[in-house]
Protein backbone atom coordinates (compact mmCIF):
# COMPACT_ATOMS: atom_id res chain seq x y z
CA MET A 1 0.27 -8.62 -11.92
CA ALA A 2 -2.52 -6.13 -11.77
CA THR A 3 -2.06 -2.71 -13.27
CA PHE A 4 -2.88 0.39 -11.38
CA PRO A 5 -4.40 3.33 -13.26
CA ASN A 6 -2.43 6.59 -12.88
CA SER A 7 0.34 4.85 -11.03
CA THR A 8 3.64 6.49 -11.84
CA ALA A 9 5.54 6.17 -8.57
CA ARG A 10 7.62 3.14 -7.75
CA LEU A 11 8.86 1.72 -4.46
CA ASP A 12 11.54 -0.93 -4.79
CA PHE A 13 13.21 -2.88 -2.01
CA ARG A 14 14.85 -6.21 -1.45
CA LEU A 15 13.80 -8.74 1.24
CA GLN A 16 14.61 -12.18 2.32
CA GLY A 17 13.20 -15.01 0.47
CA GLU A 18 11.32 -16.33 3.55
CA HIS A 19 9.67 -12.85 3.88
CA LYS A 20 8.71 -12.81 0.21
CA ASN A 21 7.07 -16.34 0.61
CA LEU A 22 5.14 -15.16 3.70
CA ILE A 23 3.86 -12.05 1.76
CA GLU A 24 2.91 -14.10 -1.16
CA GLN A 25 0.97 -16.60 0.89
CA ALA A 26 -0.86 -13.76 2.69
CA ALA A 27 -1.63 -12.06 -0.60
CA ALA A 28 -3.06 -15.36 -1.98
CA LEU A 29 -5.09 -15.95 1.11
CA THR A 30 -6.69 -12.54 0.86
CA GLY A 31 -7.31 -12.85 -2.90
CA GLN A 32 -4.94 -10.06 -3.82
CA THR A 33 -1.89 -9.78 -5.93
CA VAL A 34 1.37 -9.29 -4.11
CA SER A 35 1.36 -5.60 -5.16
CA GLN A 36 -2.23 -5.08 -4.10
CA PHE A 37 -1.47 -6.65 -0.75
CA ALA A 38 1.87 -4.85 -0.29
CA ILE A 39 0.27 -1.47 -1.16
CA ALA A 40 -2.79 -1.93 1.11
CA THR A 41 -0.68 -3.20 3.96
CA LEU A 42 1.88 -0.40 3.65
CA LEU A 43 -0.78 2.35 3.43
CA GLU A 44 -2.46 1.04 6.52
CA ALA A 45 0.80 0.85 8.55
CA SER A 46 1.63 4.38 7.19
CA ARG A 47 -1.71 5.80 8.30
CA THR A 48 -1.39 4.18 11.69
CA ALA A 49 2.15 5.44 12.22
CA ILE A 50 1.21 8.99 11.19
CA GLU A 51 -1.89 8.88 13.50
CA GLN A 52 0.15 7.68 16.52
CA ALA A 53 2.86 10.27 15.83
CA SER A 54 0.52 13.09 15.58
CA SER A 55 -1.62 12.52 18.53
CA THR A 56 -1.08 12.42 22.29
CA GLU A 57 -3.14 10.15 24.61
CA LEU A 58 -3.25 11.30 28.15
CA SER A 59 -3.87 9.12 31.18
CA ALA A 60 -7.10 9.85 33.08
CA ARG A 61 -5.05 11.59 35.72
CA ASP A 62 -3.18 13.74 33.32
CA ARG A 63 -6.42 14.57 31.47
CA ASP A 64 -7.94 15.70 34.64
CA VAL A 65 -4.88 17.89 35.56
CA PHE A 66 -4.81 19.38 32.19
CA LEU A 67 -8.48 20.30 32.18
CA ALA A 68 -8.24 21.73 35.68
CA MET A 69 -5.46 23.92 34.55
CA LEU A 70 -7.53 25.14 31.58
CA ASP A 71 -10.27 26.00 33.95
CA ALA A 72 -8.17 27.69 36.53
CA ASP A 73 -8.23 31.43 36.87
CA GLY A 74 -4.36 31.89 36.79
CA GLU A 75 -2.53 35.19 36.92
CA PRO A 76 0.23 35.79 34.57
CA ASN A 77 3.67 35.35 36.15
CA ALA A 78 6.49 37.89 36.13
CA ALA A 79 8.00 36.39 32.96
CA LEU A 80 4.73 36.54 31.09
CA ARG A 81 4.17 40.23 32.15
CA ALA A 82 7.74 41.14 31.08
CA ALA A 83 7.22 39.42 27.67
CA ALA A 84 4.03 41.33 27.15
CA GLU A 85 5.76 44.63 28.03
CA ARG A 86 8.61 43.88 25.57
CA PHE A 87 6.14 43.21 22.74
CA GLY A 88 3.86 46.08 23.59
CA SER A 89 0.92 44.04 24.46
CA SER A 90 -0.97 46.49 26.60
CA GLY A 91 -4.36 44.87 25.80
CA ALA A 92 -4.87 46.79 22.54
C-alpha cells in the first residue's frame, strides 16, 4: 500500500465483499493502489456533488425570463416602499 505524505486523516468504512472485489479490480486496471483509486474516485465524486449543489442551471426559457426581468425598468411595489421607509432608506 502506498504511503501519502502529510496524510493524517482517516476514512474507514465497511462494504460488501463483492464491492471490495470490484474496487480492487478497477484499481488494478488503472494501475493504482486501492487507496489511490478510492481517494481519487471519492474526491472526484465529492467535487461533482458540491458543484451540482452549488449551481443552478436554467432552461433557455427560464434564462430568457430572468434576463428580461433584470433588464426591465420595474417600479418598487408597496411592500418594498414600506420596507425602505421602515429602514430609513431615503436614498442617502
